[in-house]
Amino acid sequence: MSISDWPEDERPREKLLSQGAAALSNAELLAIFLRTGVTGKSAVDLARDLLTDFGGLIGLLSASETAFCQAKGLGRAKYAQLQATLELSRRYLRDEITGRDVLSSPDSTRQYLKSRLRAYPHEVFACLFLDNRHRVIQYREIFRGTIDGASVHPREVVREAIHWNAAAVIFAHNHPSGVAEPSQADLRITQRLKDALDLVDVRVLDHIIIGEDKGTSFAERGLL
């Protein structure tokens, strides 16, 4: 049975319009993106299969072009649409915090950092450089490493902070394992960076570790 034969209040698009996007499952939202199914499967059935094959939504959204296009019902056009959708989401979240005091919107800041860092298969260390009113000046991914860690050099962070004329900074990096708990190495490098930035009067407001489902804040843990 095709989706057009379903009761109207069960069709994903009509359900979204009547109840809002939050009422839909991941498979239903993905079905709207796919638009059509394949022979013998509705778009919702295909979406469920894809989520299973890729190990969930994060696996699908972070899949390489090759892996994505090899899946049944997908291809380069769908891959391009997905990448455009993801980039629009990132830019929306960026605009949510740009020009605002990030300390007044910690959830938006964390969501933005998650959107930038969560899908990387290796560690990436990034900085949000802020002005003296804690408004975002620039987001920069400064160091990239292996799945086990990234070599973070304080002098490079200081150089970037001076370049952007920053008054404050928020650090962020991802844990590809998905576990967002800070390690002893994370604590040590944070203190080294804080000491280095103190010399040029740049305040460290937070260090956020991005895992699979959440971000852990050093400031909230009292670790700064």
N, C-alpha and C. Protein backbone atom coordinates (compact mmCIF):
# COMPACT_ATOMS: atom_id res chain seq x y z
N MET A 1 0.85 -1.20 0.00
CA MET A 1 0.00 0.00 0.00
C MET A 1 0.88 1.25 0.00
N SER A 2 0.62 2.17 -0.90
CA SER A 2 1.40 3.41 -0.94
C SER A 2 0.91 4.38 0.13
N ILE A 3 1.71 5.36 0.45
CA ILE A 3 1.35 6.32 1.48
C ILE A 3 0.08 7.09 1.11
N SER A 4 -0.13 7.29 -0.18
CA SER A 4 -1.34 8.03 -0.60
C SER A 4 -2.62 7.27 -0.27
N ASP A 5 -2.49 5.97 -0.01
CA ASP A 5 -3.66 5.17 0.35
C ASP A 5 -3.89 5.11 1.86
N TRP A 6 -2.95 5.67 2.63
CA TRP A 6 -3.09 5.67 4.09
C TRP A 6 -4.16 6.68 4.51
N PRO A 7 -4.71 6.50 5.72
CA PRO A 7 -5.58 7.55 6.26
C PRO A 7 -4.82 8.87 6.31
N GLU A 8 -5.49 9.96 6.02
CA GLU A 8 -4.81 11.24 5.88
C GLU A 8 -4.02 11.64 7.11
N ASP A 9 -4.57 11.35 8.30
CA ASP A 9 -3.86 11.78 9.52
C ASP A 9 -2.66 10.91 9.86
N GLU A 10 -2.40 9.85 9.06
CA GLU A 10 -1.23 9.01 9.27
C GLU A 10 -0.13 9.27 8.24
N ARG A 11 -0.43 10.07 7.22
CA ARG A 11 0.58 10.38 6.20
C ARG A 11 1.58 11.38 6.78
N PRO A 12 2.88 11.14 6.62
CA PRO A 12 3.87 12.00 7.26
C PRO A 12 3.72 13.49 6.95
N ARG A 13 3.51 13.83 5.69
CA ARG A 13 3.43 15.26 5.36
C ARG A 13 2.21 15.91 5.99
N GLU A 14 1.07 15.25 5.90
CA GLU A 14 -0.16 15.80 6.49
C GLU A 14 -0.06 15.84 8.01
N LYS A 15 0.57 14.82 8.58
CA LYS A 15 0.76 14.78 10.03
C LYS A 15 1.64 15.94 10.49
N LEU A 16 2.70 16.22 9.72
CA LEU A 16 3.58 17.34 10.06
C LEU A 16 2.82 18.66 10.02
N LEU A 17 2.02 18.85 9.00
CA LEU A 17 1.29 20.12 8.85
C LEU A 17 0.23 20.30 9.92
N SER A 18 -0.35 19.21 10.38
CA SER A 18 -1.43 19.33 11.37
C SER A 18 -0.92 19.30 12.81
N GLN A 19 0.19 18.56 13.06
CA GLN A 19 0.65 18.38 14.43
C GLN A 19 2.02 18.99 14.71
N GLY A 20 2.74 19.38 13.67
CA GLY A 20 4.09 19.91 13.84
C GLY A 20 5.14 18.84 13.64
N ALA A 21 6.34 19.26 13.26
CA ALA A 21 7.41 18.31 12.93
C ALA A 21 7.81 17.45 14.12
N ALA A 22 7.71 17.98 15.34
CA ALA A 22 8.14 17.24 16.53
C ALA A 22 7.30 15.99 16.77
N ALA A 23 6.12 15.93 16.17
CA ALA A 23 5.23 14.78 16.37
C ALA A 23 5.64 13.58 15.52
N LEU A 24 6.54 13.77 14.57
CA LEU A 24 6.92 12.71 13.65
C LEU A 24 8.13 11.93 14.16
N SER A 25 8.17 10.66 13.82
CA SER A 25 9.34 9.83 14.13
C SER A 25 10.46 10.15 13.15
N ASN A 26 11.66 9.65 13.45
CA ASN A 26 12.77 9.84 12.52
C ASN A 26 12.46 9.27 11.14
N ALA A 27 11.82 8.10 11.12
CA ALA A 27 11.48 7.48 9.84
C ALA A 27 10.47 8.33 9.06
N GLU A 28 9.51 8.90 9.75
CA GLU A 28 8.51 9.73 9.07
C GLU A 28 9.13 11.01 8.52
N LEU A 29 10.01 11.63 9.29
CA LEU A 29 10.70 12.83 8.80
C LEU A 29 11.58 12.50 7.60
N LEU A 30 12.29 11.37 7.68
CA LEU A 30 13.14 10.97 6.57
C LEU A 30 12.30 10.64 5.34
N ALA A 31 11.13 10.08 5.53
CA ALA A 31 10.25 9.75 4.40
C ALA A 31 9.84 11.00 3.65
N ILE A 32 9.61 12.10 4.37
CA ILE A 32 9.26 13.37 3.70
C ILE A 32 10.44 13.84 2.86
N PHE A 33 11.65 13.67 3.39
CA PHE A 33 12.85 14.04 2.64
C PHE A 33 13.01 13.16 1.39
N LEU A 34 12.77 11.84 1.52
CA LEU A 34 12.92 10.92 0.41
C LEU A 34 11.86 11.14 -0.67
N ARG A 35 10.66 11.49 -0.23
CA ARG A 35 9.51 11.77 -1.09
C ARG A 35 8.88 10.51 -1.67
N THR A 36 9.68 9.58 -2.17
CA THR A 36 9.14 8.35 -2.77
C THR A 36 9.87 7.14 -2.22
N GLY A 37 9.21 6.01 -2.30
CA GLY A 37 9.84 4.76 -1.90
C GLY A 37 10.44 4.04 -3.09
N VAL A 38 10.57 2.74 -2.98
CA VAL A 38 11.05 1.91 -4.09
C VAL A 38 10.03 0.80 -4.29
N THR A 39 10.22 0.01 -5.32
CA THR A 39 9.26 -1.05 -5.63
C THR A 39 9.02 -1.95 -4.41
N GLY A 40 7.77 -2.02 -4.02
CA GLY A 40 7.40 -2.88 -2.90
C GLY A 40 7.54 -2.23 -1.53
N LYS A 41 8.04 -0.98 -1.48
CA LYS A 41 8.22 -0.31 -0.19
C LYS A 41 7.77 1.14 -0.29
N SER A 42 7.04 1.56 0.72
CA SER A 42 6.66 2.98 0.80
C SER A 42 7.88 3.78 1.24
N ALA A 43 7.78 5.10 1.17
CA ALA A 43 8.88 5.96 1.61
C ALA A 43 9.18 5.74 3.09
N VAL A 44 8.15 5.49 3.90
CA VAL A 44 8.36 5.25 5.33
C VAL A 44 9.08 3.92 5.55
N ASP A 45 8.68 2.88 4.80
CA ASP A 45 9.35 1.58 4.92
C ASP A 45 10.82 1.71 4.53
N LEU A 46 11.07 2.42 3.42
CA LEU A 46 12.44 2.63 2.97
C LEU A 46 13.24 3.40 4.02
N ALA A 47 12.62 4.42 4.60
CA ALA A 47 13.29 5.21 5.63
C ALA A 47 13.66 4.35 6.83
N ARG A 48 12.77 3.49 7.25
CA ARG A 48 13.06 2.59 8.38
C ARG A 48 14.24 1.68 8.06
N ASP A 49 14.26 1.14 6.84
CA ASP A 49 15.36 0.26 6.44
C ASP A 49 16.69 1.02 6.44
N LEU A 50 16.68 2.25 5.92
CA LEU A 50 17.89 3.04 5.86
C LEU A 50 18.43 3.35 7.26
N LEU A 51 17.54 3.70 8.18
CA LEU A 51 17.96 3.99 9.54
C LEU A 51 18.56 2.75 10.21
N THR A 52 18.00 1.59 9.90
CA THR A 52 18.56 0.34 10.44
C THR A 52 19.92 0.05 9.83
N ASP A 53 20.01 0.19 8.50
CA ASP A 53 21.26 -0.13 7.80
C ASP A 53 22.42 0.78 8.22
N PHE A 54 22.11 2.05 8.48
CA PHE A 54 23.16 3.01 8.83
C PHE A 54 23.34 3.17 10.34
N GLY A 55 22.60 2.39 11.11
CA GLY A 55 22.77 2.44 12.56
C GLY A 55 22.13 3.64 13.21
N GLY A 56 21.12 4.23 12.57
CA GLY A 56 20.42 5.36 13.15
C GLY A 56 20.59 6.63 12.34
N LEU A 57 20.01 7.70 12.86
CA LEU A 57 19.99 8.98 12.15
C LEU A 57 21.39 9.57 11.99
N ILE A 58 22.19 9.54 13.06
CA ILE A 58 23.53 10.12 12.98
C ILE A 58 24.37 9.39 11.94
N GLY A 59 24.29 8.07 11.92
CA GLY A 59 25.03 7.30 10.94
C GLY A 59 24.65 7.64 9.51
N LEU A 60 23.37 7.83 9.28
CA LEU A 60 22.90 8.18 7.94
C LEU A 60 23.34 9.59 7.55
N LEU A 61 23.14 10.55 8.45
CA LEU A 61 23.45 11.94 8.12
C LEU A 61 24.94 12.20 7.98
N SER A 62 25.77 11.37 8.61
CA SER A 62 27.22 11.57 8.53
C SER A 62 27.89 10.61 7.56
N ALA A 63 27.12 9.84 6.82
CA ALA A 63 27.69 8.87 5.89
C ALA A 63 28.44 9.57 4.77
N SER A 64 29.49 8.91 4.28
CA SER A 64 30.23 9.45 3.14
C SER A 64 29.35 9.42 1.90
N GLU A 65 29.74 10.18 0.89
CA GLU A 65 28.98 10.20 -0.36
C GLU A 65 28.90 8.80 -0.96
N THR A 66 30.00 8.08 -0.93
CA THR A 66 30.03 6.73 -1.52
C THR A 66 29.06 5.81 -0.81
N ALA A 67 29.13 5.77 0.53
CA ALA A 67 28.25 4.89 1.29
C ALA A 67 26.78 5.29 1.12
N PHE A 68 26.52 6.59 1.14
CA PHE A 68 25.15 7.09 1.01
C PHE A 68 24.57 6.70 -0.34
N CYS A 69 25.33 6.90 -1.40
CA CYS A 69 24.81 6.68 -2.76
C CYS A 69 24.66 5.21 -3.11
N GLN A 70 25.35 4.35 -2.37
CA GLN A 70 25.23 2.92 -2.63
C GLN A 70 23.94 2.33 -2.06
N ALA A 71 23.30 3.06 -1.15
CA ALA A 71 22.08 2.56 -0.51
C ALA A 71 20.91 2.62 -1.49
N LYS A 72 20.05 1.64 -1.42
CA LYS A 72 18.90 1.57 -2.30
C LYS A 72 17.96 2.74 -2.06
N GLY A 73 17.56 3.39 -3.15
CA GLY A 73 16.64 4.52 -3.05
C GLY A 73 17.32 5.86 -2.89
N LEU A 74 18.67 5.84 -2.79
CA LEU A 74 19.41 7.08 -2.65
C LEU A 74 20.28 7.31 -3.88
N GLY A 75 21.03 8.39 -3.89
CA GLY A 75 21.88 8.71 -5.03
C GLY A 75 22.51 10.07 -4.82
N ARG A 76 23.21 10.56 -5.83
CA ARG A 76 23.95 11.82 -5.69
C ARG A 76 23.01 13.01 -5.51
N ALA A 77 21.86 12.99 -6.18
CA ALA A 77 20.92 14.11 -6.03
C ALA A 77 20.41 14.19 -4.60
N LYS A 78 20.07 13.04 -4.01
CA LYS A 78 19.61 13.01 -2.62
C LYS A 78 20.75 13.40 -1.68
N TYR A 79 21.96 12.98 -2.00
CA TYR A 79 23.12 13.34 -1.17
C TYR A 79 23.31 14.85 -1.17
N ALA A 80 23.21 15.45 -2.35
CA ALA A 80 23.36 16.91 -2.44
C ALA A 80 22.26 17.62 -1.66
N GLN A 81 21.04 17.12 -1.76
CA GLN A 81 19.92 17.71 -1.01
C GLN A 81 20.16 17.62 0.48
N LEU A 82 20.66 16.46 0.93
CA LEU A 82 20.92 16.26 2.35
C LEU A 82 22.00 17.21 2.85
N GLN A 83 23.09 17.33 2.09
CA GLN A 83 24.17 18.22 2.51
C GLN A 83 23.70 19.67 2.57
N ALA A 84 22.86 20.06 1.62
CA ALA A 84 22.31 21.42 1.64
C ALA A 84 21.43 21.63 2.86
N THR A 85 20.63 20.62 3.20
CA THR A 85 19.76 20.71 4.37
C THR A 85 20.57 20.81 5.66
N LEU A 86 21.62 20.00 5.77
CA LEU A 86 22.46 20.04 6.96
C LEU A 86 23.17 21.38 7.10
N GLU A 87 23.65 21.93 5.97
CA GLU A 87 24.34 23.22 6.04
C GLU A 87 23.37 24.34 6.40
N LEU A 88 22.14 24.28 5.90
CA LEU A 88 21.14 25.26 6.30
C LEU A 88 20.88 25.20 7.81
N SER A 89 20.85 23.98 8.35
CA SER A 89 20.64 23.82 9.80
C SER A 89 21.79 24.44 10.58
N ARG A 90 23.02 24.19 10.11
CA ARG A 90 24.18 24.77 10.79
C ARG A 90 24.13 26.29 10.75
N ARG A 91 23.77 26.84 9.60
CA ARG A 91 23.75 28.30 9.46
C ARG A 91 22.62 28.91 10.30
N TYR A 92 21.52 28.20 10.40
CA TYR A 92 20.43 28.67 11.26
C TYR A 92 20.90 28.73 12.71
N LEU A 93 21.57 27.66 13.17
CA LEU A 93 22.05 27.63 14.54
C LEU A 93 23.14 28.68 14.77
N ARG A 94 23.99 28.89 13.76
CA ARG A 94 25.02 29.94 13.87
C ARG A 94 24.37 31.30 14.02
N ASP A 95 23.34 31.57 13.20
CA ASP A 95 22.68 32.87 13.27
C ASP A 95 21.93 33.06 14.58
N GLU A 96 21.54 31.93 15.21
CA GLU A 96 20.87 31.99 16.51
C GLU A 96 21.78 32.57 17.59
N ILE A 97 23.09 32.34 17.46
CA ILE A 97 24.00 32.81 18.50
C ILE A 97 24.82 34.02 18.08
N THR A 98 24.94 34.28 16.78
CA THR A 98 25.73 35.42 16.32
C THR A 98 25.06 36.72 16.72
N GLY A 99 25.83 37.59 17.31
CA GLY A 99 25.30 38.89 17.73
C GLY A 99 24.60 38.86 19.07
N ARG A 100 24.58 37.70 19.72
CA ARG A 100 23.93 37.59 21.03
C ARG A 100 24.95 37.18 22.09
N ASP A 101 24.64 37.47 23.31
CA ASP A 101 25.47 37.02 24.43
C ASP A 101 25.28 35.51 24.56
N VAL A 102 26.34 34.74 24.25
CA VAL A 102 26.19 33.29 24.24
C VAL A 102 25.90 32.73 25.62
N LEU A 103 26.25 33.46 26.66
CA LEU A 103 25.97 32.98 28.02
C LEU A 103 24.49 33.06 28.35
N SER A 104 23.74 33.84 27.56
CA SER A 104 22.30 33.91 27.77
C SER A 104 21.56 32.85 26.95
N SER A 105 22.29 32.12 26.09
CA SER A 105 21.66 31.07 25.30
C SER A 105 22.58 29.85 25.22
N PRO A 106 22.88 29.25 26.36
CA PRO A 106 23.82 28.11 26.35
C PRO A 106 23.33 26.93 25.55
N ASP A 107 22.02 26.70 25.51
CA ASP A 107 21.49 25.57 24.75
C ASP A 107 21.71 25.77 23.25
N SER A 108 21.49 27.00 22.76
CA SER A 108 21.71 27.29 21.34
C SER A 108 23.18 27.13 20.99
N THR A 109 24.05 27.59 21.89
CA THR A 109 25.49 27.46 21.66
C THR A 109 25.90 26.00 21.58
N ARG A 110 25.37 25.20 22.49
CA ARG A 110 25.72 23.78 22.51
C ARG A 110 25.17 23.07 21.27
N GLN A 111 23.96 23.42 20.86
CA GLN A 111 23.39 22.81 19.67
C GLN A 111 24.21 23.15 18.43
N TYR A 112 24.69 24.39 18.37
CA TYR A 112 25.51 24.78 17.22
C TYR A 112 26.81 23.98 17.20
N LEU A 113 27.47 23.88 18.34
CA LEU A 113 28.72 23.13 18.40
C LEU A 113 28.51 21.65 18.08
N LYS A 114 27.40 21.09 18.53
CA LYS A 114 27.08 19.70 18.20
C LYS A 114 26.90 19.54 16.70
N SER A 115 26.22 20.50 16.06
CA SER A 115 25.98 20.40 14.62
C SER A 115 27.27 20.46 13.83
N ARG A 116 28.28 21.13 14.37
CA ARG A 116 29.55 21.27 13.67
C ARG A 116 30.49 20.08 13.91
N LEU A 117 30.45 19.51 15.11
CA LEU A 117 31.51 18.58 15.51
C LEU A 117 31.08 17.12 15.65
N ARG A 118 29.80 16.87 15.84
CA ARG A 118 29.39 15.52 16.24
C ARG A 118 29.70 14.45 15.19
N ALA A 119 29.64 14.78 13.91
CA ALA A 119 29.75 13.75 12.87
C ALA A 119 31.17 13.38 12.50
N TYR A 120 32.17 14.11 12.99
CA TYR A 120 33.55 13.80 12.61
C TYR A 120 33.99 12.44 13.15
N PRO A 121 34.69 11.63 12.33
CA PRO A 121 35.19 10.33 12.82
C PRO A 121 36.50 10.46 13.57
N HIS A 122 37.07 11.67 13.62
CA HIS A 122 38.31 11.94 14.33
C HIS A 122 38.09 13.15 15.23
N GLU A 123 38.99 13.38 16.17
CA GLU A 123 38.83 14.52 17.07
C GLU A 123 39.15 15.83 16.35
N VAL A 124 38.32 16.82 16.62
CA VAL A 124 38.52 18.17 16.09
C VAL A 124 38.38 19.14 17.26
N PHE A 125 39.35 20.03 17.39
CA PHE A 125 39.33 21.04 18.45
C PHE A 125 38.96 22.38 17.82
N ALA A 126 37.94 23.03 18.38
CA ALA A 126 37.44 24.28 17.81
C ALA A 126 37.32 25.35 18.88
N CYS A 127 37.26 26.59 18.42
CA CYS A 127 37.09 27.73 19.33
C CYS A 127 35.98 28.64 18.82
N LEU A 128 35.17 29.11 19.75
CA LEU A 128 34.25 30.23 19.48
C LEU A 128 34.90 31.46 20.08
N PHE A 129 35.30 32.39 19.23
CA PHE A 129 35.91 33.62 19.70
C PHE A 129 34.83 34.68 19.90
N LEU A 130 34.89 35.36 21.06
CA LEU A 130 33.82 36.27 21.47
C LEU A 130 34.36 37.66 21.74
N ASP A 131 33.47 38.66 21.63
CA ASP A 131 33.87 40.02 21.97
C ASP A 131 33.65 40.27 23.46
N ASN A 132 33.83 41.50 23.91
CA ASN A 132 33.74 41.77 25.35
C ASN A 132 32.31 41.74 25.89
N ARG A 133 31.34 41.58 24.99
CA ARG A 133 29.95 41.38 25.42
C ARG A 133 29.52 39.93 25.21
N HIS A 134 30.51 39.07 25.00
CA HIS A 134 30.30 37.64 24.82
C HIS A 134 29.46 37.31 23.59
N ARG A 135 29.58 38.14 22.56
CA ARG A 135 28.93 37.88 21.28
C ARG A 135 29.93 37.18 20.37
N VAL A 136 29.43 36.29 19.53
CA VAL A 136 30.31 35.50 18.67
C VAL A 136 30.95 36.36 17.59
N ILE A 137 32.27 36.29 17.50
CA ILE A 137 33.01 36.93 16.42
C ILE A 137 33.28 35.92 15.30
N GLN A 138 33.76 34.73 15.70
CA GLN A 138 34.15 33.74 14.71
C GLN A 138 34.21 32.35 15.33
N TYR A 139 33.85 31.35 14.53
CA TYR A 139 34.03 29.94 14.89
C TYR A 139 35.19 29.42 14.07
N ARG A 140 36.14 28.75 14.73
CA ARG A 140 37.31 28.23 14.02
C ARG A 140 37.63 26.82 14.48
N GLU A 141 37.80 25.91 13.53
CA GLU A 141 38.30 24.57 13.82
C GLU A 141 39.81 24.64 13.63
N ILE A 142 40.55 24.49 14.71
CA ILE A 142 41.98 24.80 14.69
C ILE A 142 42.85 23.55 14.59
N PHE A 143 42.47 22.48 15.28
CA PHE A 143 43.29 21.26 15.26
C PHE A 143 42.44 20.05 14.92
N ARG A 144 43.02 19.16 14.16
CA ARG A 144 42.37 17.89 13.82
C ARG A 144 43.32 16.76 14.17
N GLY A 145 42.76 15.68 14.68
CA GLY A 145 43.61 14.58 15.10
C GLY A 145 43.07 13.25 14.65
N THR A 146 43.58 12.20 15.27
CA THR A 146 43.12 10.85 15.00
C THR A 146 41.90 10.58 15.88
N ILE A 147 41.42 9.36 15.83
CA ILE A 147 40.27 9.01 16.68
C ILE A 147 40.64 9.06 18.16
N ASP A 148 41.95 9.04 18.47
CA ASP A 148 42.40 9.01 19.86
C ASP A 148 42.70 10.38 20.44
N GLY A 149 42.87 11.38 19.61
CA GLY A 149 43.17 12.68 20.18
C GLY A 149 43.69 13.67 19.16
N ALA A 150 43.78 14.92 19.56
CA ALA A 150 44.31 15.98 18.70
C ALA A 150 45.41 16.71 19.47
N SER A 151 46.46 17.06 18.77
CA SER A 151 47.54 17.83 19.38
C SER A 151 47.15 19.30 19.37
N VAL A 152 46.95 19.85 20.54
CA VAL A 152 46.48 21.23 20.68
C VAL A 152 47.63 22.09 21.17
N HIS A 153 48.00 23.11 20.41
CA HIS A 153 49.14 23.96 20.73
C HIS A 153 48.66 25.33 21.23
N PRO A 154 48.92 25.66 22.48
CA PRO A 154 48.44 26.92 23.04
C PRO A 154 48.82 28.15 22.22
N ARG A 155 50.03 28.19 21.67
CA ARG A 155 50.45 29.40 20.95
C ARG A 155 49.58 29.64 19.72
N GLU A 156 49.08 28.55 19.09
CA GLU A 156 48.21 28.72 17.93
C GLU A 156 46.85 29.29 18.35
N VAL A 157 46.36 28.85 19.49
CA VAL A 157 45.08 29.37 20.00
C VAL A 157 45.23 30.84 20.36
N VAL A 158 46.35 31.20 21.01
CA VAL A 158 46.61 32.60 21.36
C VAL A 158 46.70 33.44 20.10
N ARG A 159 47.37 32.93 19.08
CA ARG A 159 47.52 33.67 17.82
C ARG A 159 46.15 33.94 17.19
N GLU A 160 45.28 32.93 17.20
CA GLU A 160 43.94 33.11 16.63
C GLU A 160 43.14 34.12 17.45
N ALA A 161 43.24 34.04 18.76
CA ALA A 161 42.50 34.97 19.62
C ALA A 161 42.92 36.42 19.36
N ILE A 162 44.21 36.63 19.20
CA ILE A 162 44.71 37.98 18.90
C ILE A 162 44.26 38.43 17.52
N HIS A 163 44.30 37.50 16.54
CA HIS A 163 43.89 37.83 15.17
C HIS A 163 42.45 38.33 15.13
N TRP A 164 41.58 37.67 15.89
CA TRP A 164 40.15 38.04 15.88
C TRP A 164 39.81 39.10 16.93
N ASN A 165 40.84 39.57 17.61
CA ASN A 165 40.64 40.59 18.64
C ASN A 165 39.61 40.14 19.66
N ALA A 166 39.73 38.90 20.08
CA ALA A 166 38.75 38.31 20.99
C ALA A 166 39.00 38.74 22.43
N ALA A 167 37.91 38.88 23.17
CA ALA A 167 38.00 39.16 24.60
C ALA A 167 37.74 37.90 25.43
N ALA A 168 37.13 36.91 24.79
CA ALA A 168 36.81 35.67 25.49
C ALA A 168 36.73 34.54 24.46
N VAL A 169 36.74 33.31 24.97
CA VAL A 169 36.71 32.16 24.06
C VAL A 169 35.98 31.00 24.74
N ILE A 170 35.33 30.20 23.92
CA ILE A 170 34.76 28.92 24.35
C ILE A 170 35.43 27.84 23.53
N PHE A 171 36.03 26.86 24.20
CA PHE A 171 36.64 25.73 23.51
C PHE A 171 35.58 24.65 23.29
N ALA A 172 35.81 23.84 22.28
CA ALA A 172 34.95 22.68 22.05
C ALA A 172 35.73 21.63 21.29
N HIS A 173 35.50 20.38 21.63
CA HIS A 173 36.03 19.30 20.81
C HIS A 173 35.12 18.09 20.95
N ASN A 174 35.20 17.22 19.97
CA ASN A 174 34.34 16.04 19.95
C ASN A 174 35.08 14.82 20.45
N HIS A 175 34.32 13.87 20.95
CA HIS A 175 34.83 12.55 21.28
C HIS A 175 34.17 11.56 20.32
N PRO A 176 34.90 11.07 19.32
CA PRO A 176 34.29 10.15 18.34
C PRO A 176 33.71 8.89 18.96
N SER A 177 34.16 8.54 20.15
CA SER A 177 33.60 7.37 20.85
C SER A 177 32.14 7.60 21.23
N GLY A 178 31.72 8.87 21.25
CA GLY A 178 30.36 9.20 21.65
C GLY A 178 30.21 9.50 23.12
N VAL A 179 31.25 9.20 23.92
CA VAL A 179 31.21 9.44 25.37
C VAL A 179 31.75 10.84 25.64
N ALA A 180 30.93 11.69 26.22
CA ALA A 180 31.28 13.10 26.38
C ALA A 180 31.92 13.43 27.72
N GLU A 181 32.53 12.45 28.36
CA GLU A 181 33.19 12.70 29.64
C GLU A 181 34.61 13.24 29.43
N PRO A 182 35.01 14.28 30.17
CA PRO A 182 36.37 14.81 30.02
C PRO A 182 37.42 13.85 30.55
N SER A 183 38.51 13.74 29.81
CA SER A 183 39.63 12.91 30.25
C SER A 183 40.63 13.77 31.02
N GLN A 184 41.62 13.14 31.63
CA GLN A 184 42.68 13.89 32.32
C GLN A 184 43.45 14.75 31.32
N ALA A 185 43.63 14.24 30.10
CA ALA A 185 44.31 15.03 29.07
C ALA A 185 43.49 16.26 28.70
N ASP A 186 42.18 16.13 28.66
CA ASP A 186 41.30 17.28 28.38
C ASP A 186 41.45 18.34 29.47
N LEU A 187 41.51 17.89 30.70
CA LEU A 187 41.65 18.82 31.82
C LEU A 187 42.99 19.55 31.77
N ARG A 188 44.04 18.79 31.44
CA ARG A 188 45.38 19.39 31.41
C ARG A 188 45.50 20.42 30.30
N ILE A 189 45.03 20.10 29.09
CA ILE A 189 45.18 21.05 27.98
C ILE A 189 44.31 22.27 28.20
N THR A 190 43.17 22.09 28.83
CA THR A 190 42.32 23.24 29.12
C THR A 190 43.02 24.21 30.05
N GLN A 191 43.69 23.70 31.07
CA GLN A 191 44.42 24.56 32.00
C GLN A 191 45.59 25.24 31.30
N ARG A 192 46.30 24.52 30.44
CA ARG A 192 47.42 25.11 29.69
C ARG A 192 46.93 26.25 28.79
N LEU A 193 45.82 26.02 28.12
CA LEU A 193 45.26 27.06 27.25
C LEU A 193 44.80 28.26 28.07
N LYS A 194 44.17 27.99 29.19
CA LYS A 194 43.69 29.06 30.06
C LYS A 194 44.87 29.92 30.55
N ASP A 195 45.95 29.26 30.96
CA ASP A 195 47.13 29.98 31.43
C ASP A 195 47.73 30.84 30.31
N ALA A 196 47.79 30.29 29.10
CA ALA A 196 48.36 31.02 27.97
C ALA A 196 47.50 32.23 27.61
N LEU A 197 46.19 32.06 27.61
CA LEU A 197 45.29 33.15 27.23
C LEU A 197 45.20 34.22 28.31
N ASP A 198 45.43 33.83 29.55
CA ASP A 198 45.47 34.82 30.64
C ASP A 198 46.54 35.88 30.37
N LEU A 199 47.62 35.48 29.72
CA LEU A 199 48.72 36.41 29.46
C LEU A 199 48.34 37.51 28.48
N VAL A 200 47.30 37.25 27.66
CA VAL A 200 46.86 38.28 26.70
C VAL A 200 45.45 38.76 27.04
N ASP A 201 45.03 38.54 28.28
CA ASP A 201 43.74 39.03 28.79
C ASP A 201 42.54 38.52 28.00
N VAL A 202 42.57 37.26 27.63
CA VAL A 202 41.42 36.62 26.98
C VAL A 202 40.84 35.61 27.96
N ARG A 203 39.58 35.75 28.29
CA ARG A 203 38.93 34.89 29.27
C ARG A 203 38.45 33.59 28.62
N VAL A 204 38.60 32.50 29.33
CA VAL A 204 38.06 31.22 28.90
C VAL A 204 36.74 31.01 29.62
N LEU A 205 35.65 30.99 28.87
CA LEU A 205 34.32 30.89 29.47
C LEU A 205 33.87 29.43 29.65
N ASP A 206 34.32 28.55 28.75
CA ASP A 206 33.86 27.17 28.85
C ASP A 206 34.68 26.30 27.91
N HIS A 207 34.61 25.01 28.16
CA HIS A 207 35.12 23.99 27.24
C HIS A 207 34.03 22.93 27.17
N ILE A 208 33.52 22.71 25.98
CA ILE A 208 32.39 21.80 25.80
C ILE A 208 32.86 20.59 25.00
N ILE A 209 32.60 19.41 25.55
CA ILE A 209 32.93 18.17 24.86
C ILE A 209 31.66 17.62 24.22
N ILE A 210 31.75 17.36 22.93
CA ILE A 210 30.61 16.88 22.17
C ILE A 210 30.67 15.37 22.02
N GLY A 211 29.63 14.69 22.50
CA GLY A 211 29.51 13.25 22.33
C GLY A 211 28.36 12.93 21.39
N GLU A 212 27.85 11.73 21.51
CA GLU A 212 26.79 11.31 20.59
C GLU A 212 25.47 12.02 20.87
N ASP A 213 25.12 12.15 22.13
CA ASP A 213 23.80 12.69 22.46
C ASP A 213 23.82 14.01 23.21
N LYS A 214 24.96 14.41 23.72
CA LYS A 214 24.95 15.62 24.53
C LYS A 214 26.32 16.28 24.52
N GLY A 215 26.38 17.46 25.10
CA GLY A 215 27.65 18.14 25.26
C GLY A 215 27.91 18.36 26.74
N THR A 216 29.12 18.05 27.19
CA THR A 216 29.48 18.23 28.59
C THR A 216 30.23 19.54 28.76
N SER A 217 29.75 20.38 29.64
CA SER A 217 30.31 21.71 29.89
C SER A 217 31.25 21.69 31.08
N PHE A 218 32.51 22.13 30.87
CA PHE A 218 33.44 22.25 31.99
C PHE A 218 32.94 23.28 32.99
N ALA A 219 32.36 24.37 32.51
CA ALA A 219 31.88 25.42 33.39
C ALA A 219 30.78 24.89 34.31
N GLU A 220 29.86 24.11 33.76
CA GLU A 220 28.76 23.55 34.55
C GLU A 220 29.29 22.54 35.57
N ARG A 221 30.38 21.86 35.22
CA ARG A 221 30.97 20.87 36.13
C ARG A 221 31.89 21.51 37.15
N GLY A 222 32.14 22.82 37.04
CA GLY A 222 33.06 23.48 37.94
C GLY A 222 34.51 23.10 37.69
N LEU A 223 34.86 22.84 36.43
CA LEU A 223 36.19 22.35 36.08
C LEU A 223 37.09 23.46 35.53
N LEU A 224 36.60 24.69 35.46
CA LEU A 224 37.42 25.78 34.97
C LEU A 224 38.01 26.59 36.13
